[in-house]
Structure formats: structure tokens, C-alpha cells
Amino acid sequence: MTAIKETSVIQENKQYALDICPVTYVMEKIGNYWKPIILYHLSKGPIRYSEIKRAIPAITEKVLIQHLKQLESDGLVIRKAKPVVPPYVTYKLSKSGKGLMPVIDAMASWAINERAKEDKQ
């Protein structure tokens, strides 16, 4: 992986965006389609990889693995692997990840309310 130049225009623009809008930081961490969905399922407690995959059948294995690794490197998810065959891997929210639960819960509540409005129309 190539090193990021600290003085690049893109990095300066990112820093500027972070300074004026803290939501930018959140979007860097969870800002794609699958990450909030993964976090939502992890909010129920520690679960195995296969359970996450079963809970989100539309996600590909490659994307799920990629996003779990990113969430782990961002400090939002803790991965625990037991050295057995077959591998026994569980994922759970870190303290920082648990701090996002009010945001994820608000998103879920908003979605439920909006869908109920649509159903009434």
C-alpha cells in the first residue's frame, strides 16, 4: 500500500471537512451501505461470522470480510478467534462501537417510521 502524503490537497481538504463538520468523521468510519447494517446486527451481542452472513444474505463474502476488517482496524469491532478446527471466530462491538449504537438505533427508528408512513399512503 502506498504511503499517504500528509501535505496532499486531498488530505488538507479532508482535514478541513473534519474541522467544520464532525459528521465527516462518522461517515469515514461507517459511511457505506453495509457497515451500519453489520453494526446493527452486532448490537445484539457477540456473534459468529456465519451468523452475520446468515443475517445479511445479500452481502458477498468478500465484502463482509473486508468490512469486518475495516471496522476492526477502526476500533469499532473486536474479533476473537479460537485456535480450533474449524475456526471459531466471533465479533463484538468495542466500547467505541457501542458508542455508535444511539446513532444506529436512531437510523433504525427513522426507517421504521418512514416505512410506516409509506405503507399508509
Protein backbone atom coordinates (compact mmCIF):
# COMPACT_ATOMS: atom_id res chain seq x y z
CA MET A 1 0.00 0.00 0.00
CA THR A 2 1.35 3.41 -0.88
CA ALA A 3 2.01 5.94 1.83
CA ILE A 4 -0.33 8.90 2.13
CA LYS A 5 1.35 12.25 1.67
CA GLU A 6 0.48 14.36 4.68
CA THR A 7 0.65 17.57 2.64
CA SER A 8 -1.55 16.50 -0.27
CA VAL A 9 -4.51 18.65 -1.27
CA ILE A 10 -6.88 15.75 -0.67
CA GLN A 11 -5.62 15.34 2.91
CA GLU A 12 -5.93 19.08 3.50
CA ASN A 13 -9.49 19.03 2.17
CA LYS A 14 -10.35 16.05 4.37
CA GLN A 15 -8.95 17.80 7.42
CA TYR A 16 -10.90 20.95 6.55
CA ALA A 17 -14.11 18.92 6.21
CA LEU A 18 -13.45 17.23 9.57
CA ASP A 19 -12.89 20.62 11.22
CA ILE A 20 -16.13 22.18 10.01
CA CYS A 21 -18.38 19.10 10.10
CA PRO A 22 -17.80 16.32 12.65
CA VAL A 23 -20.26 14.09 10.78
CA THR A 24 -17.49 13.68 8.22
CA TYR A 25 -15.54 11.65 10.79
CA VAL A 26 -18.50 9.35 11.39
CA MET A 27 -19.01 8.88 7.66
CA GLU A 28 -15.34 7.94 7.24
CA LYS A 29 -15.85 5.16 9.78
CA ILE A 30 -19.30 3.83 8.87
CA GLY A 31 -20.10 5.63 5.62
CA ASN A 32 -21.04 2.93 3.19
CA TYR A 33 -24.02 0.72 2.63
CA TRP A 34 -23.01 -2.36 4.65
CA LYS A 35 -21.16 -1.08 7.73
CA PRO A 36 -24.19 0.31 9.60
CA ILE A 37 -26.07 -2.92 8.83
CA ILE A 38 -23.19 -5.00 10.22
CA LEU A 39 -23.03 -2.79 13.33
CA TYR A 40 -26.80 -3.14 13.80
CA HIS A 41 -26.53 -6.93 13.87
CA LEU A 42 -23.53 -6.81 16.21
CA SER A 43 -25.52 -4.64 18.64
CA LYS A 44 -27.33 -7.79 19.79
CA GLY A 45 -24.11 -9.15 21.29
CA PRO A 46 -21.13 -11.26 20.20
CA ILE A 47 -21.92 -13.33 17.12
CA ARG A 48 -20.03 -15.66 14.83
CA TYR A 49 -19.09 -14.83 11.28
CA SER A 50 -21.56 -17.37 9.90
CA GLU A 51 -24.39 -15.78 11.89
CA ILE A 52 -23.58 -12.36 10.47
CA LYS A 53 -23.52 -13.83 6.97
CA ARG A 54 -26.88 -15.53 7.58
CA ALA A 55 -28.38 -12.30 8.96
CA ILE A 56 -27.29 -10.34 5.87
CA PRO A 57 -27.77 -12.76 2.96
CA ALA A 58 -27.36 -10.10 0.25
CA ILE A 59 -23.77 -9.26 1.22
CA THR A 60 -20.98 -11.12 -0.55
CA GLU A 61 -18.41 -12.99 1.49
CA LYS A 62 -15.60 -10.79 0.16
CA VAL A 63 -17.37 -7.56 1.12
CA LEU A 64 -18.35 -8.87 4.56
CA ILE A 65 -14.77 -9.91 5.34
CA GLN A 66 -13.43 -6.61 4.01
CA HIS A 67 -15.82 -4.50 6.08
CA LEU A 68 -15.31 -6.53 9.25
CA LYS A 69 -11.55 -5.97 8.87
CA GLN A 70 -12.08 -2.24 8.33
CA LEU A 71 -14.41 -1.98 11.34
CA GLU A 72 -11.83 -3.85 13.40
CA SER A 73 -8.98 -1.58 12.27
CA ASP A 74 -11.13 1.49 13.02
CA GLY A 75 -11.59 0.19 16.56
CA LEU A 76 -15.35 -0.33 16.29
CA VAL A 77 -15.36 -4.14 16.33
CA ILE A 78 -13.38 -6.72 18.29
CA ARG A 79 -12.55 -10.01 16.58
CA LYS A 80 -11.89 -13.03 18.76
CA ALA A 81 -10.60 -16.24 17.18
CA LYS A 82 -10.19 -19.57 18.95
CA PRO A 83 -7.45 -21.83 17.57
CA VAL A 84 -9.67 -24.80 16.74
CA VAL A 85 -10.69 -26.62 13.59
CA PRO A 86 -12.97 -25.45 12.08
CA PRO A 87 -12.11 -21.84 13.04
CA TYR A 88 -14.32 -20.35 15.72
CA VAL A 89 -14.41 -16.58 15.21
CA THR A 90 -16.72 -14.19 16.99
CA TYR A 91 -17.22 -10.48 16.55
CA LYS A 92 -18.50 -7.97 19.06
CA LEU A 93 -18.70 -4.22 19.38
CA SER A 94 -15.86 -2.42 21.08
CA LYS A 95 -16.52 0.39 23.54
CA SER A 96 -16.23 2.84 20.66
CA GLY A 97 -18.60 0.73 18.56
CA LYS A 98 -21.12 0.65 21.40
CA GLY A 99 -20.91 4.43 21.45
CA LEU A 100 -22.36 4.43 17.94
CA MET A 101 -25.45 2.48 18.99
CA PRO A 102 -27.59 5.57 19.61
CA VAL A 103 -26.85 6.62 16.02
CA ILE A 104 -27.64 3.15 14.62
CA ASP A 105 -30.79 2.95 16.77
CA ALA A 106 -31.89 6.39 15.54
CA MET A 107 -31.38 5.24 11.95
CA ALA A 108 -33.46 2.11 12.62
CA SER A 109 -36.25 4.11 14.31
CA TRP A 110 -36.31 6.60 11.46
CA ALA A 111 -36.54 3.77 8.92
CA ILE A 112 -39.42 2.11 10.77
CA ASN A 113 -41.33 5.41 10.99
CA GLU A 114 -40.74 6.27 7.34
CA ARG A 115 -41.81 2.82 6.15
CA ALA A 116 -44.97 3.07 8.27
CA LYS A 117 -45.77 6.43 6.61
CA GLU A 118 -45.21 4.90 3.17
CA ASP A 119 -47.49 1.97 4.00
CA LYS A 120 -50.29 4.38 4.96
CA GLN A 121 -50.12 6.22 1.64
